[in-house]
């Protein structure tokens, strides 16, 4: 959350001369409401089912840079689908997360004691991120341009 997936993903796609897509945007467009509203109205389990379908559809029909929601890797089937792709895990520490997002209430999984909840989420998710990632790129203290360059370098890709 707040790591810069959307910003960096769009920059990487631009530099590669391909199309950028974000499954969070797909979900919002398809559902006609925000992700936070889906969490509140239907709960996390319902959202994760919607997210799983969105990721499956995007992986099957998109040939470019794809940004996934931070919790999409919680699903074992999704992790298996990602195995054949060049996945980059953008990492950051809690202090950077505070600076970037303020860990505000707009993020439904961080509504109470956001610092502690962020740390707990990351402790649970980090092994799953690294399981599917071909590369890990730290974003702390870097501009989006610097992170995009590091992603391209990590994947040994050349700009178009």
Protein backbone atom coordinates (compact mmCIF):
# COMPACT_ATOMS: atom_id res chain seq x y z
CA UNK A 1 0.00 0.00 0.00
CA UNK A 2 1.40 3.33 -1.07
CA UNK A 3 4.57 1.77 -2.46
CA UNK A 4 4.04 3.38 -5.87
CA UNK A 5 2.81 0.41 -7.91
CA UNK A 6 0.59 2.55 -10.11
CA UNK A 7 3.04 5.40 -10.64
CA UNK A 8 6.05 3.16 -11.23
CA UNK A 9 4.07 0.69 -13.33
CA UNK A 10 2.93 3.48 -15.67
CA UNK A 11 6.50 4.80 -15.96
CA UNK A 12 7.90 1.35 -16.73
CA UNK A 13 5.22 0.76 -19.37
CA UNK A 14 5.96 4.13 -20.96
CA UNK A 15 9.69 3.38 -21.07
CA UNK A 16 9.07 -0.05 -22.59
CA UNK A 17 6.56 1.31 -25.10
CA UNK A 18 3.75 -0.96 -23.92
CA UNK A 19 0.36 -0.69 -22.23
CA UNK A 20 -0.09 -0.26 -18.47
CA UNK A 21 -2.99 -1.78 -16.52
CA UNK A 22 -3.89 -1.87 -12.83
CA UNK A 23 -6.22 -4.54 -11.45
CA UNK A 24 -7.41 -2.15 -8.72
CA UNK A 25 -8.64 0.20 -11.48
CA UNK A 26 -10.29 -2.76 -13.22
CA UNK A 27 -12.15 -3.64 -10.02
CA UNK A 28 -13.33 -0.08 -9.41
CA UNK A 29 -14.53 0.23 -13.02
CA UNK A 30 -16.33 -3.12 -12.98
CA UNK A 31 -17.92 -2.65 -9.57
CA UNK A 32 -18.75 1.06 -9.91
CA UNK A 33 -17.46 1.79 -6.41
CA UNK A 34 -14.23 2.14 -4.50
CA UNK A 35 -12.29 -0.73 -3.05
CA UNK A 36 -12.85 0.73 0.42
CA UNK A 37 -16.62 0.64 -0.23
CA UNK A 38 -16.44 -3.01 -1.31
CA UNK A 39 -14.59 -3.85 1.91
CA UNK A 40 -17.16 -2.01 4.03
CA UNK A 41 -20.24 -3.27 2.19
CA UNK A 42 -19.23 -6.89 1.54
CA UNK A 43 -16.14 -7.64 3.60
CA UNK A 44 -12.61 -8.70 2.78
CA UNK A 45 -13.49 -12.24 1.63
CA UNK A 46 -15.89 -10.93 -1.02
CA UNK A 47 -13.34 -8.36 -2.16
CA UNK A 48 -10.61 -11.01 -2.44
CA UNK A 49 -12.88 -13.14 -4.66
CA UNK A 50 -13.50 -10.14 -6.93
CA UNK A 51 -9.79 -9.37 -6.93
CA UNK A 52 -8.86 -12.96 -7.81
CA UNK A 53 -11.12 -12.87 -10.88
CA UNK A 54 -9.75 -9.47 -11.91
CA UNK A 55 -6.16 -10.72 -11.72
CA UNK A 56 -6.99 -13.90 -13.66
CA UNK A 57 -8.68 -11.88 -16.42
CA UNK A 58 -5.85 -9.35 -16.59
CA UNK A 59 -3.13 -12.00 -16.75
CA UNK A 60 -5.01 -13.81 -19.51
CA UNK A 61 -5.76 -10.75 -21.62
CA UNK A 62 -3.01 -8.19 -21.06
CA UNK A 63 0.40 -8.03 -22.66
CA UNK A 64 2.20 -5.20 -20.90
CA UNK A 65 2.90 -3.91 -17.42
CA UNK A 66 0.32 -5.00 -14.87
CA UNK A 67 0.04 -3.62 -11.33
CA UNK A 68 -1.68 -5.85 -8.78
CA UNK A 69 -3.32 -4.87 -5.53
CA UNK A 70 -1.12 -5.53 -2.51
CA UNK A 71 -3.28 -8.37 -1.20
CA UNK A 72 -3.73 -10.24 -4.48
CA UNK A 73 -0.81 -12.55 -3.66
CA UNK A 74 -2.68 -13.91 -0.65
CA UNK A 75 -4.46 -16.30 -3.00
CA UNK A 76 -2.51 -19.47 -3.78
CA UNK A 77 -4.01 -19.78 -7.27
CA UNK A 78 -2.97 -16.23 -8.07
CA UNK A 79 0.57 -16.91 -6.91
CA UNK A 80 0.67 -19.96 -9.18
CA UNK A 81 -0.55 -17.89 -12.14
CA UNK A 82 2.21 -15.35 -11.51
CA UNK A 83 4.92 -18.02 -11.70
CA UNK A 84 5.39 -17.58 -15.44
CA UNK A 85 5.65 -13.79 -15.33
CA UNK A 86 8.34 -11.23 -14.56
CA UNK A 87 7.07 -10.06 -11.17
CA UNK A 88 8.72 -7.23 -9.29
CA UNK A 89 8.07 -6.68 -5.59
CA UNK A 90 8.36 -3.00 -4.72
CA UNK A 91 9.33 -2.84 -1.06
CA UNK A 92 9.38 -0.08 1.55
CA UNK A 93 9.59 0.21 5.31
CA UNK A 94 6.92 1.52 7.66
CA UNK A 95 8.49 4.97 8.02
CA UNK A 96 8.36 5.49 4.27
CA UNK A 97 4.77 4.23 4.24
CA UNK A 98 3.84 6.82 6.86
CA UNK A 99 5.42 9.59 4.81
CA UNK A 100 3.75 8.51 1.58
CA UNK A 101 0.26 7.60 2.70
CA UNK A 102 -0.07 8.91 6.23
CA UNK A 103 -1.52 5.42 6.84
CA UNK A 104 -4.92 7.02 6.67
CA UNK A 105 -8.38 5.56 7.07
CA UNK A 106 -8.95 5.42 3.29
CA UNK A 107 -7.05 2.14 3.48
CA UNK A 108 -9.55 -0.31 5.00
CA UNK A 109 -6.99 -2.77 6.36
CA UNK A 110 -5.27 0.01 8.30
CA UNK A 111 -8.28 1.59 10.00
CA UNK A 112 -7.17 0.90 13.60
CA UNK A 113 -3.56 1.38 14.80
CA UNK A 114 -2.22 1.78 11.27
CA UNK A 115 1.50 1.39 12.05
CA UNK A 116 1.01 -1.89 13.86
CA UNK A 117 -1.42 -3.18 11.25
CA UNK A 118 0.94 -2.21 8.41
CA UNK A 119 3.80 -4.08 10.09
CA UNK A 120 1.62 -7.15 10.67
CA UNK A 121 0.37 -7.12 7.06
CA UNK A 122 3.92 -6.86 5.77
CA UNK A 123 5.19 -9.64 8.04
CA UNK A 124 2.45 -11.90 6.67
CA UNK A 125 2.76 -10.81 3.03
CA UNK A 126 6.52 -10.32 2.56
CA UNK A 127 7.24 -14.07 2.18
CA UNK A 128 4.45 -14.31 -0.41
CA UNK A 129 5.76 -11.30 -2.32
CA UNK A 130 9.25 -12.73 -2.40
CA UNK A 131 7.88 -16.15 -3.40
CA UNK A 132 6.46 -14.77 -6.65
CA UNK A 133 9.00 -12.03 -7.34
CA UNK A 134 11.78 -12.34 -9.83
CA UNK A 135 13.22 -9.12 -8.40
CA UNK A 136 12.81 -6.99 -5.28
CA UNK A 137 13.25 -3.24 -5.68
CA UNK A 138 13.41 -0.99 -2.63
CA UNK A 139 11.52 2.27 -3.06
CA UNK A 140 12.57 4.00 0.15
CA UNK A 141 14.02 7.46 -0.49
CA UNK A 142 13.75 7.08 -4.26
CA UNK A 143 11.77 9.04 -6.80
CA UNK A 144 9.36 7.17 -9.08
CA UNK A 145 11.81 7.68 -11.96
CA UNK A 146 14.62 6.11 -9.93
CA UNK A 147 12.43 3.15 -8.99
CA UNK A 148 11.32 2.66 -12.61
CA UNK A 149 14.97 2.63 -13.72
CA UNK A 150 15.79 0.10 -10.96
CA UNK A 151 12.90 -2.13 -12.11
CA UNK A 152 14.14 -2.10 -15.69
CA UNK A 153 17.69 -2.83 -14.50
CA UNK A 154 16.53 -5.65 -12.21
CA UNK A 155 14.67 -7.31 -15.08
CA UNK A 156 17.46 -6.51 -17.55
CA UNK A 157 15.04 -4.72 -19.86
CA UNK A 158 15.90 -1.93 -22.26
CA UNK A 159 13.81 1.16 -22.86
CA UNK A 160 11.95 1.35 -26.17
